[in-house]
Amino acid sequence: MTEVSLSQLEAALAEGAPLIDVREPDEFEQVRVPEAVLIPCSEFVERCGEIPEAETVYIICAVGGRSLQVANYLQARDINAVSVAGGTTAWMQSGRSVESGAPATV
């Protein structure tokens, strides 16, 4: 399985699954799924070590193209990663909760 639906993502997030957003920082600040952690495509190879260990890692972008590439990259490295079909755009258009602005830092 390379892609999952919004409903599958929503169920996985409720169980605590990690969600990685691979868009660029300006896109991430405009709108994002609340649980998403930013690791931009442009930095992904260098920051791949930040991917949390999990049964499945969910990858999201704007509409699904970049996230599918990243999911395939991770799968080739034996990490069970899936792309969210429709991406953040579909999530927002479905009426699900979103955040915007600079993310909080710990």
PDB file of N, CA and C in Angstrom:
ATOM      1  N   MET A   1       0.859  -1.186   0.000  1.00  0.00           N
ATOM      2  CA  MET A   1       0.000   0.000   0.000  1.00  0.00           C
ATOM      3  C   MET A   1       0.895   1.236   0.000  1.00  0.00           C
ATOM      4  N   THR A   2       0.722   2.071  -1.013  1.00  0.00           N
ATOM      5  CA  THR A   2       1.546   3.264  -1.118  1.00  0.00           C
ATOM      6  C   THR A   2       0.778   4.522  -0.752  1.00  0.00           C
ATOM      7  N   GLU A   3      -0.542   4.508  -0.953  1.00  0.00           N
ATOM      8  CA  GLU A   3      -1.362   5.679  -0.640  1.00  0.00           C
ATOM      9  C   GLU A   3      -2.496   5.294   0.304  1.00  0.00           C
ATOM     10  N   VAL A   4      -2.874   6.251   1.135  1.00  0.00           N
ATOM     11  CA  VAL A   4      -4.006   6.054   2.035  1.00  0.00           C
ATOM     12  C   VAL A   4      -4.979   7.212   1.859  1.00  0.00           C
ATOM     13  N   SER A   5      -6.211   6.979   2.234  1.00  0.00           N
ATOM     14  CA  SER A   5      -7.252   7.998   2.150  1.00  0.00           C
ATOM     15  C   SER A   5      -7.187   8.924   3.365  1.00  0.00           C
ATOM     16  N   LEU A   6      -7.924  10.007   3.285  1.00  0.00           N
ATOM     17  CA  LEU A   6      -8.013  10.925   4.419  1.00  0.00           C
ATOM     18  C   LEU A   6      -8.606  10.228   5.635  1.00  0.00           C
ATOM     19  N   SER A   7      -9.591   9.376   5.416  1.00  0.00           N
ATOM     20  CA  SER A   7     -10.215   8.652   6.531  1.00  0.00           C
ATOM     21  C   SER A   7      -9.209   7.719   7.201  1.00  0.00           C
ATOM     22  N   GLN A   8      -8.377   7.060   6.394  1.00  0.00           N
ATOM     23  CA  GLN A   8      -7.353   6.181   6.960  1.00  0.00           C
ATOM     24  C   GLN A   8      -6.329   6.998   7.760  1.00  0.00           C
ATOM     25  N   LEU A   9      -5.948   8.152   7.234  1.00  0.00           N
ATOM     26  CA  LEU A   9      -5.025   9.017   7.977  1.00  0.00           C
ATOM     27  C   LEU A   9      -5.653   9.465   9.285  1.00  0.00           C
ATOM     28  N   GLU A  10      -6.887   9.906   9.228  1.00  0.00           N
ATOM     29  CA  GLU A  10      -7.572  10.385  10.430  1.00  0.00           C
ATOM     30  C   GLU A  10      -7.604   9.310  11.517  1.00  0.00           C
ATOM     31  N   ALA A  11      -7.896   8.079  11.119  1.00  0.00           N
ATOM     32  CA  ALA A  11      -7.919   6.969  12.081  1.00  0.00           C
ATOM     33  C   ALA A  11      -6.525   6.705  12.637  1.00  0.00           C
ATOM     34  N   ALA A  12      -5.515   6.771  11.784  1.00  0.00           N
ATOM     35  CA  ALA A  12      -4.137   6.526  12.228  1.00  0.00           C
ATOM     36  C   ALA A  12      -3.674   7.617  13.191  1.00  0.00           C
ATOM     37  N   LEU A  13      -4.020   8.875  12.904  1.00  0.00           N
ATOM     38  CA  LEU A  13      -3.631   9.975  13.797  1.00  0.00           C
ATOM     39  C   LEU A  13      -4.285   9.814  15.165  1.00  0.00           C
ATOM     40  N   ALA A  14      -5.513   9.330  15.190  1.00  0.00           N
ATOM     41  CA  ALA A  14      -6.210   9.095  16.460  1.00  0.00           C
ATOM     42  C   ALA A  14      -5.488   8.047  17.294  1.00  0.00           C
ATOM     43  N   GLU A  15      -4.731   7.166  16.627  1.00  0.00           N
ATOM     44  CA  GLU A  15      -3.963   6.126  17.313  1.00  0.00           C
ATOM     45  C   GLU A  15      -2.530   6.565  17.603  1.00  0.00           C
ATOM     46  N   GLY A  16      -2.188   7.807  17.229  1.00  0.00           N
ATOM     47  CA  GLY A  16      -0.858   8.326  17.526  1.00  0.00           C
ATOM     48  C   GLY A  16       0.190   8.128  16.448  1.00  0.00           C
ATOM     49  N   ALA A  17      -0.224   7.779  15.231  1.00  0.00           N
ATOM     50  CA  ALA A  17       0.736   7.569  14.140  1.00  0.00           C
ATOM     51  C   ALA A  17       1.424   8.884  13.770  1.00  0.00           C
ATOM     52  N   PRO A  18       2.691   8.816  13.354  1.00  0.00           N
ATOM     53  CA  PRO A  18       3.405  10.030  12.952  1.00  0.00           C
ATOM     54  C   PRO A  18       2.996  10.493  11.555  1.00  0.00           C
ATOM     55  N   LEU A  19       2.900  11.821  11.403  1.00  0.00           N
ATOM     56  CA  LEU A  19       2.587  12.440  10.121  1.00  0.00           C
ATOM     57  C   LEU A  19       3.689  13.436   9.789  1.00  0.00           C
ATOM     58  N   ILE A  20       4.364  13.217   8.667  1.00  0.00           N
ATOM     59  CA  ILE A  20       5.437  14.085   8.210  1.00  0.00           C
ATOM     60  C   ILE A  20       4.929  14.893   7.018  1.00  0.00           C
ATOM     61  N   ASP A  21       5.048  16.210   7.109  1.00  0.00           N
ATOM     62  CA  ASP A  21       4.663  17.114   6.026  1.00  0.00           C
ATOM     63  C   ASP A  21       5.926  17.482   5.267  1.00  0.00           C
ATOM     64  N   VAL A  22       5.958  17.206   3.962  1.00  0.00           N
ATOM     65  CA  VAL A  22       7.172  17.423   3.173  1.00  0.00           C
ATOM     66  C   VAL A  22       7.105  18.683   2.312  1.00  0.00           C
ATOM     67  N   ARG A  23       6.120  19.535   2.558  1.00  0.00           N
ATOM     68  CA  ARG A  23       6.052  20.805   1.836  1.00  0.00           C
ATOM     69  C   ARG A  23       7.127  21.752   2.379  1.00  0.00           C
ATOM     70  N   GLU A  24       7.256  22.890   1.755  1.00  0.00           N
ATOM     71  CA  GLU A  24       8.239  23.881   2.195  1.00  0.00           C
ATOM     72  C   GLU A  24       7.676  24.687   3.371  1.00  0.00           C
ATOM     73  N   PRO A  25       8.554  25.319   4.181  1.00  0.00           N
ATOM     74  CA  PRO A  25       8.093  26.014   5.385  1.00  0.00           C
ATOM     75  C   PRO A  25       6.989  27.047   5.154  1.00  0.00           C
ATOM     76  N   ASP A  26       7.042  27.795   4.057  1.00  0.00           N
ATOM     77  CA  ASP A  26       5.990  28.795   3.814  1.00  0.00           C
ATOM     78  C   ASP A  26       4.635  28.136   3.579  1.00  0.00           C
ATOM     79  N   GLU A  27       4.620  26.989   2.907  1.00  0.00           N
ATOM     80  CA  GLU A  27       3.375  26.256   2.697  1.00  0.00           C
ATOM     81  C   GLU A  27       2.845  25.722   4.028  1.00  0.00           C
ATOM     82  N   PHE A  28       3.756  25.205   4.844  1.00  0.00           N
ATOM     83  CA  PHE A  28       3.410  24.628   6.147  1.00  0.00           C
ATOM     84  C   PHE A  28       2.786  25.685   7.053  1.00  0.00           C
ATOM     85  N   GLU A  29       3.323  26.901   7.012  1.00  0.00           N
ATOM     86  CA  GLU A  29       2.787  27.975   7.857  1.00  0.00           C
ATOM     87  C   GLU A  29       1.420  28.448   7.387  1.00  0.00           C
ATOM     88  N   GLN A  30       1.145  28.346   6.079  1.00  0.00           N
ATOM     89  CA  GLN A  30      -0.158  28.778   5.563  1.00  0.00           C
ATOM     90  C   GLN A  30      -1.279  27.903   6.083  1.00  0.00           C
ATOM     91  N   VAL A  31      -1.105  26.582   5.989  1.00  0.00           N
ATOM     92  CA  VAL A  31      -2.130  25.649   6.455  1.00  0.00           C
ATOM     93  C   VAL A  31      -1.505  24.268   6.588  1.00  0.00           C
ATOM     94  N   ARG A  32      -1.902  23.550   7.639  1.00  0.00           N
ATOM     95  CA  ARG A  32      -1.361  22.207   7.862  1.00  0.00           C
ATOM     96  C   ARG A  32      -2.333  21.375   8.703  1.00  0.00           C
ATOM     97  N   VAL A  33      -2.164  20.071   8.602  1.00  0.00           N
ATOM     98  CA  VAL A  33      -2.880  19.148   9.482  1.00  0.00           C
ATOM     99  C   VAL A  33      -2.271  19.333  10.873  1.00  0.00           C
ATOM    100  N   PRO A  34      -3.081  19.477  11.916  1.00  0.00           N
ATOM    101  CA  PRO A  34      -2.557  19.797  13.243  1.00  0.00           C
ATOM    102  C   PRO A  34      -1.430  18.902  13.768  1.00  0.00           C
ATOM    103  N   GLU A  35      -1.450  17.627  13.486  1.00  0.00           N
ATOM    104  CA  GLU A  35      -0.442  16.720  14.042  1.00  0.00           C
ATOM    105  C   GLU A  35       0.833  16.641  13.197  1.00  0.00           C
ATOM    106  N   ALA A  36       0.883  17.337  12.080  1.00  0.00           N
ATOM    107  CA  ALA A  36       2.000  17.215  11.143  1.00  0.00           C
ATOM    108  C   ALA A  36       3.297  17.822  11.682  1.00  0.00           C
ATOM    109  N   VAL A  37       4.401  17.161  11.346  1.00  0.00           N
ATOM    110  CA  VAL A  37       5.752  17.633  11.650  1.00  0.00           C
ATOM    111  C   VAL A  37       6.417  17.938  10.312  1.00  0.00           C
ATOM    112  N   LEU A  38       7.042  19.085  10.217  1.00  0.00           N
ATOM    113  CA  LEU A  38       7.642  19.523   8.959  1.00  0.00           C
ATOM    114  C   LEU A  38       9.052  18.968   8.760  1.00  0.00           C
ATOM    115  N   ILE A  39       9.236  18.260   7.650  1.00  0.00           N
ATOM    116  CA  ILE A  39      10.562  17.901   7.128  1.00  0.00           C
ATOM    117  C   ILE A  39      10.453  18.127   5.616  1.00  0.00           C
ATOM    118  N   PRO A  40      10.834  19.319   5.137  1.00  0.00           N
ATOM    119  CA  PRO A  40      10.649  19.650   3.721  1.00  0.00           C
ATOM    120  C   PRO A  40      11.381  18.693   2.781  1.00  0.00           C
ATOM    121  N   CYS A  41      10.792  18.498   1.608  1.00  0.00           N
ATOM    122  CA  CYS A  41      11.428  17.663   0.569  1.00  0.00           C
ATOM    123  C   CYS A  41      12.866  18.110   0.335  1.00  0.00           C
ATOM    124  N   SER A  42      13.077  19.421   0.300  1.00  0.00           N
ATOM    125  CA  SER A  42      14.403  19.955   0.000  1.00  0.00           C
ATOM    126  C   SER A  42      15.440  19.599   1.057  1.00  0.00           C
ATOM    127  N   GLU A  43      14.992  19.162   2.236  1.00  0.00           N
ATOM    128  CA  GLU A  43      15.904  18.794   3.328  1.00  0.00           C
ATOM    129  C   GLU A  43      15.775  17.325   3.709  1.00  0.00           C
ATOM    130  N   PHE A  44      14.927  16.595   2.992  1.00  0.00           N
ATOM    131  CA  PHE A  44      14.524  15.269   3.449  1.00  0.00           C
ATOM    132  C   PHE A  44      15.669  14.276   3.573  1.00  0.00           C
ATOM    133  N   VAL A  45      16.529  14.215   2.585  1.00  0.00           N
ATOM    134  CA  VAL A  45      17.618  13.233   2.624  1.00  0.00           C
ATOM    135  C   VAL A  45      18.503  13.480   3.837  1.00  0.00           C
ATOM    136  N   GLU A  46      18.835  14.757   4.094  1.00  0.00           N
ATOM    137  CA  GLU A  46      19.693  15.087   5.236  1.00  0.00           C
ATOM    138  C   GLU A  46      19.007  14.840   6.583  1.00  0.00           C
ATOM    139  N   ARG A  47      17.683  14.975   6.616  1.00  0.00           N
ATOM    140  CA  ARG A  47      16.946  14.874   7.878  1.00  0.00           C
ATOM    141  C   ARG A  47      16.200  13.550   8.042  1.00  0.00           C
ATOM    142  N   CYS A  48      16.473  12.607   7.180  1.00  0.00           N
ATOM    143  CA  CYS A  48      15.781  11.319   7.200  1.00  0.00           C
ATOM    144  C   CYS A  48      15.883  10.628   8.566  1.00  0.00           C
ATOM    145  N   GLY A  49      16.956  10.872   9.284  1.00  0.00           N
ATOM    146  CA  GLY A  49      17.137  10.282  10.601  1.00  0.00           C
ATOM    147  C   GLY A  49      16.125  10.763  11.628  1.00  0.00           C
ATOM    148  N   GLU A  50      15.400  11.827  11.316  1.00  0.00           N
ATOM    149  CA  GLU A  50      14.383  12.353  12.229  1.00  0.00           C
ATOM    150  C   GLU A  50      13.047  11.631  12.118  1.00  0.00           C
ATOM    151  N   ILE A  51      12.926  10.725  11.157  1.00  0.00           N
ATOM    152  CA  ILE A  51      11.678   9.980  10.995  1.00  0.00           C
ATOM    153  C   ILE A  51      11.494   9.083  12.215  1.00  0.00           C
ATOM    154  N   PRO A  52      10.376   9.220  12.918  1.00  0.00           N
ATOM    155  CA  PRO A  52      10.169   8.386  14.108  1.00  0.00           C
ATOM    156  C   PRO A  52       9.963   6.922  13.733  1.00  0.00           C
ATOM    157  N   GLU A  53      10.381   6.059  14.627  1.00  0.00           N
ATOM    158  CA  GLU A  53      10.114   4.635  14.421  1.00  0.00           C
ATOM    159  C   GLU A  53       8.643   4.395  14.717  1.00  0.00           C
ATOM    160  N   ALA A  54       7.988   3.764  13.762  1.00  0.00           N
ATOM    161  CA  ALA A  54       6.563   3.474  13.902  1.00  0.00           C
ATOM    162  C   ALA A  54       6.209   2.353  12.948  1.00  0.00           C
ATOM    163  N   GLU A  55       5.082   1.714  13.204  1.00  0.00           N
ATOM    164  CA  GLU A  55       4.632   0.657  12.301  1.00  0.00           C
ATOM    165  C   GLU A  55       4.443   1.215  10.892  1.00  0.00           C
ATOM    166  N   THR A  56       3.821   2.397  10.810  1.00  0.00           N
ATOM    167  CA  THR A  56       3.619   3.085   9.537  1.00  0.00           C
ATOM    168  C   THR A  56       3.853   4.569   9.745  1.00  0.00           C
ATOM    169  N   VAL A  57       4.581   5.186   8.813  1.00  0.00           N
ATOM    170  CA  VAL A  57       4.807   6.631   8.831  1.00  0.00           C
ATOM    171  C   VAL A  57       3.969   7.213   7.702  1.00  0.00           C
ATOM    172  N   TYR A  58       3.193   8.239   8.019  1.00  0.00           N
ATOM    173  CA  TYR A  58       2.318   8.877   7.046  1.00  0.00           C
ATOM    174  C   TYR A  58       2.999  10.137   6.531  1.00  0.00           C
ATOM    175  N   ILE A  59       2.979  10.305   5.196  1.00  0.00           N
ATOM    176  CA  ILE A  59       3.650  11.424   4.546  1.00  0.00           C
ATOM    177  C   ILE A  59       2.595  12.237   3.802  1.00  0.00           C
ATOM    178  N   ILE A  60       2.630  13.570   3.989  1.00  0.00           N
ATOM    179  CA  ILE A  60       1.649  14.435   3.346  1.00  0.00           C
ATOM    180  C   ILE A  60       2.352  15.620   2.695  1.00  0.00           C
ATOM    181  N   CYS A  61       1.758  16.095   1.599  1.00  0.00           N
ATOM    182  CA  CYS A  61       2.229  17.328   0.950  1.00  0.00           C
ATOM    183  C   CYS A  61       0.974  18.123   0.574  1.00  0.00           C
ATOM    184  N   ALA A  62       1.030  18.893  -0.496  1.00  0.00           N
ATOM    185  CA  ALA A  62      -0.129  19.699  -0.889  1.00  0.00           C
ATOM    186  C   ALA A  62      -1.229  18.845  -1.509  1.00  0.00           C
ATOM    187  N   VAL A  63      -0.874  18.027  -2.526  1.00  0.00           N
ATOM    188  CA  VAL A  63      -1.894  17.218  -3.200  1.00  0.00           C
ATOM    189  C   VAL A  63      -1.529  15.749  -3.358  1.00  0.00           C
ATOM    190  N   GLY A  64      -0.304  15.359  -3.052  1.00  0.00           N
ATOM    191  CA  GLY A  64       0.066  13.950  -3.076  1.00  0.00           C
ATOM    192  C   GLY A  64       1.268  13.574  -3.914  1.00  0.00           C
ATOM    193  N   GLY A  65       1.773  14.453  -4.759  1.00  0.00           N
ATOM    194  CA  GLY A  65       2.909  14.117  -5.612  1.00  0.00           C
ATOM    195  C   GLY A  65       4.222  13.982  -4.865  1.00  0.00           C
ATOM    196  N   ARG A  66       4.575  15.003  -4.098  1.00  0.00           N
ATOM    197  CA  ARG A  66       5.836  14.970  -3.342  1.00  0.00           C
ATOM    198  C   ARG A  66       5.801  13.905  -2.259  1.00  0.00           C
ATOM    199  N   SER A  67       4.658  13.762  -1.607  1.00  0.00           N
ATOM    200  CA  SER A  67       4.570  12.766  -0.537  1.00  0.00           C
ATOM    201  C   SER A  67       4.705  11.354  -1.085  1.00  0.00           C
ATOM    202  N   LEU A  68       4.201  11.121  -2.281  1.00  0.00           N
ATOM    203  CA  LEU A  68       4.336   9.803  -2.898  1.00  0.00           C
ATOM    204  C   LEU A  68       5.807   9.508  -3.205  1.00  0.00           C
ATOM    205  N   GLN A  69       6.535  10.498  -3.695  1.00  0.00           N
ATOM    206  CA  GLN A  69       7.971  10.326  -3.957  1.00  0.00           C
ATOM    207  C   GLN A  69       8.723  10.010  -2.667  1.00  0.00           C
ATOM    208  N   VAL A  70       8.418  10.741  -1.602  1.00  0.00           N
ATOM    209  CA  VAL A  70       9.096  10.519  -0.322  1.00  0.00           C
ATOM    210  C   VAL A  70       8.728   9.155   0.253  1.00  0.00           C
ATOM    211  N   ALA A  71       7.454   8.770   0.162  1.00  0.00           N
ATOM    212  CA  ALA A  71       7.039   7.453   0.659  1.00  0.00           C
ATOM    213  C   ALA A  71       7.788   6.351  -0.080  1.00  0.00           C
ATOM    214  N   ASN A  72       7.925   6.478  -1.394  1.00  0.00           N
ATOM    215  CA  ASN A  72       8.676   5.487  -2.173  1.00  0.00           C
ATOM    216  C   ASN A  72      10.142   5.465  -1.758  1.00  0.00           C
ATOM    217  N   TYR A  73      10.720   6.632  -1.514  1.00  0.00           N
ATOM    218  CA  TYR A  73      12.114   6.736  -1.051  1.00  0.00           C
ATOM    219  C   TYR A  73      12.285   5.991   0.275  1.00  0.00           C
ATOM    220  N   LEU A  74      11.366   6.215   1.208  1.00  0.00           N
ATOM    221  CA  LEU A  74      11.456   5.559   2.519  1.00  0.00           C
ATOM    222  C   LEU A  74      11.215   4.055   2.408  1.00  0.00           C
ATOM    223  N   GLN A  75      10.275   3.650   1.578  1.00  0.00           N
ATOM    224  CA  GLN A  75      10.012   2.225   1.397  1.00  0.00           C
ATOM    225  C   GLN A  75      11.253   1.511   0.863  1.00  0.00           C
ATOM    226  N   ALA A  76      11.993   2.178  -0.011  1.00  0.00           N
ATOM    227  CA  ALA A  76      13.226   1.589  -0.548  1.00  0.00           C
ATOM    228  C   ALA A  76      14.280   1.419   0.545  1.00  0.00           C
ATOM    229  N   ARG A  77      14.088   2.093   1.670  1.00  0.00           N
ATOM    230  CA  ARG A  77      14.991   1.997   2.818  1.00  0.00           C
ATOM    231  C   ARG A  77      14.356   1.209   3.962  1.00  0.00           C
ATOM    232  N   ASP A  78      13.386   0.376   3.619  1.00  0.00           N
ATOM    233  CA  ASP A  78      12.714  -0.519   4.571  1.00  0.00           C
ATOM    234  C   ASP A  78      11.960   0.204   5.678  1.00  0.00           C
ATOM    235  N   ILE A  79      11.444   1.386   5.380  1.00  0.00           N
ATOM    236  CA  ILE A  79      10.572   2.102   6.310  1.00  0.00           C
ATOM    237  C   ILE A  79       9.172   2.044   5.719  1.00  0.00           C
ATOM    238  N   ASN A  80       8.214   1.556   6.489  1.00  0.00           N
ATOM    239  CA  ASN A  80       6.842   1.455   6.006  1.00  0.00           C
ATOM    240  C   ASN A  80       6.224   2.847   6.002  1.00  0.00           C
ATOM    241  N   ALA A  81       6.247   3.487   4.835  1.00  0.00           N
ATOM    242  CA  ALA A  81       5.722   4.838   4.683  1.00  0.00           C
ATOM    243  C   ALA A  81       4.637   4.851   3.628  1.00  0.00           C
ATOM    244  N   VAL A  82       3.604   5.663   3.864  1.00  0.00           N
ATOM    245  CA  VAL A  82       2.513   5.804   2.912  1.00  0.00           C
ATOM    246  C   VAL A  82       2.222   7.279   2.682  1.00  0.00           C
ATOM    247  N   SER A  83       1.794   7.576   1.471  1.00  0.00           N
ATOM    248  CA  SER A  83       1.425   8.927   1.076  1.00  0.00           C
ATOM    249  C   SER A  83      -0.065   9.136   1.317  1.00  0.00           C
ATOM    250  N   VAL A  84      -0.432  10.350   1.697  1.00  0.00           N
ATOM    251  CA  VAL A  84      -1.840  10.677   1.896  1.00  0.00           C
ATOM    252  C   VAL A  84      -2.399  11.208   0.573  1.00  0.00           C
ATOM    253  N   ALA A  85      -3.301  10.458  -0.023  1.00  0.00           N
ATOM    254  CA  ALA A  85      -3.910  10.840  -1.302  1.00  0.00           C
ATOM    255  C   ALA A  85      -4.668  12.156  -1.141  1.00  0.00           C
ATOM    256  N   GLY A  86      -4.414  13.090  -2.038  1.00  0.00           N
ATOM    257  CA  GLY A  86      -5.099  14.384  -1.997  1.00  0.00           C
ATOM    258  C   GLY A  86      -4.410  15.412  -1.127  1.00  0.00           C
ATOM    259  N   GLY A  87      -3.566  14.959  -0.222  1.00  0.00           N
ATOM    260  CA  GLY A  87      -2.747  15.837   0.602  1.00  0.00           C
ATOM    261  C   GLY A  87      -3.508  16.822   1.477  1.00  0.00           C
ATOM    262  N   THR A  88      -2.782  17.869   1.857  1.00  0.00           N
ATOM    263  CA  THR A  88      -3.321  18.890   2.753  1.00  0.00           C
ATOM    264  C   THR A  88      -4.497  19.619   2.110  1.00  0.00           C
ATOM    265  N   THR A  89      -4.444  19.789   0.796  1.00  0.00           N
ATOM    266  CA  THR A  89      -5.542  20.464   0.097  1.00  0.00           C
ATOM    267  C   THR A  89      -6.845  19.702   0.290  1.00  0.00           C
ATOM    268  N   ALA A  90      -6.820  18.404   0.074  1.00  0.00           N
ATOM    269  CA  ALA A  90      -8.027  17.585   0.249  1.00  0.00           C
ATOM    270  C   ALA A  90      -8.472  17.572   1.708  1.00  0.00           C
ATOM    271  N   TRP A  91      -7.507  17.517   2.638  1.00  0.00           N
ATOM    272  CA  TRP A  91      -7.819  17.533   4.073  1.00  0.00           C
ATOM    273  C   TRP A  91      -8.598  18.806   4.414  1.00  0.00           C
ATOM    274  N   MET A  92      -8.086  19.947   3.944  1.00  0.00           N
ATOM    275  CA  MET A  92      -8.717  21.233   4.227  1.00  0.00           C
ATOM    276  C   MET A  92     -10.093  21.307   3.557  1.00  0.00           C
ATOM    277  N   GLN A  93     -10.190  20.890   2.293  1.00  0.00           N
ATOM    278  CA  GLN A  93     -11.449  20.954   1.566  1.00  0.00           C
ATOM    279  C   GLN A  93     -12.520  20.043   2.157  1.00  0.00           C
ATOM    280  N   SER A  94     -12.086  19.013   2.876  1.00  0.00           N
ATOM    281  CA  SER A  94     -13.049  18.102   3.502  1.00  0.00           C
ATOM    282  C   SER A  94     -13.666  18.684   4.765  1.00  0.00           C
ATOM    283  N   GLY A  95     -13.147  19.828   5.213  1.00  0.00           N
ATOM    284  CA  GLY A  95     -13.680  20.460   6.413  1.00  0.00           C
ATOM    285  C   GLY A  95     -13.016  19.999   7.699  1.00  0.00           C
ATOM    286  N   ARG A  96     -11.972  19.181   7.584  1.00  0.00           N
ATOM    287  CA  ARG A  96     -11.265  18.727   8.777  1.00  0.00           C
ATOM    288  C   ARG A  96     -10.462  19.879   9.384  1.00  0.00           C
ATOM    289  N   SER A  97     -10.110  19.739  10.633  1.00  0.00           N
ATOM    290  CA  SER A  97      -9.384  20.765  11.372  1.00  0.00           C
ATOM    291  C   SER A  97      -7.998  21.026  10.774  1.00  0.00           C
ATOM    292  N   VAL A  98      -7.611  22.293  10.686  1.00  0.00           N
ATOM    293  CA  VAL A  98      -6.285  22.684  10.224  1.00  0.00           C
ATOM    294  C   VAL A  98      -5.711  23.738  11.159  1.00  0.00           C
ATOM    295  N   GLU A  99      -4.409  23.932  11.048  1.00  0.00           N
ATOM    296  CA  GLU A  99      -3.710  24.990  11.777  1.00  0.00           C
ATOM    297  C   GLU A  99      -3.003  25.871  10.765  1.00  0.00           C
ATOM    298  N   SER A 100      -2.625  27.063  11.202  1.00  0.00           N
ATOM    299  CA  SER A 100      -1.820  27.930  10.354  1.00  0.00           C
ATOM    300  C   SER A 100      -0.912  28.763  11.260  1.00  0.00           C
ATOM    301  N   GLY A 101       0.034  29.469  10.637  1.00  0.00           N
ATOM    302  CA  GLY A 101       0.984  30.273  11.387  1.00  0.00           C
ATOM    303  C   GLY A 101       2.223  29.461  11.715  1.00  0.00           C
ATOM    304  N   ALA A 102       3.167  30.118  12.344  1.00  0.00           N
ATOM    305  CA  ALA A 102       4.411  29.446  12.728  1.00  0.00           C
ATOM    306  C   ALA A 102       4.092  28.382  13.771  1.00  0.00           C
ATOM    307  N   PRO A 103       4.649  27.183  13.598  1.00  0.00           N
ATOM    308  CA  PRO A 103       4.387  26.126  14.575  1.00  0.00           C
ATOM    309  C   PRO A 103       5.036  26.437  15.913  1.00  0.00           C
ATOM    310  N   ALA A 104       4.440  25.928  16.960  1.00  0.00           N
ATOM    311  CA  ALA A 104       5.002  26.107  18.297  1.00  0.00           C
ATOM    312  C   ALA A 104       6.309  25.315  18.401  1.00  0.00           C
ATOM    313  N   THR A 105       7.249  25.860  19.129  1.00  0.00           N
ATOM    314  CA  THR A 105       8.514  25.155  19.355  1.00  0.00           C
ATOM    315  C   THR A 105       8.571  24.718  20.797  1.00  0.00           C
ATOM    316  N   VAL A 106       9.270  23.619  21.025  1.00  0.00           N
ATOM    317  CA  VAL A 106       9.360  23.065  22.373  1.00  0.00           C
ATOM    318  C   VAL A 106      10.620  23.552  23.037  1.00  0.00           C
TER     319      VAL A 106
END
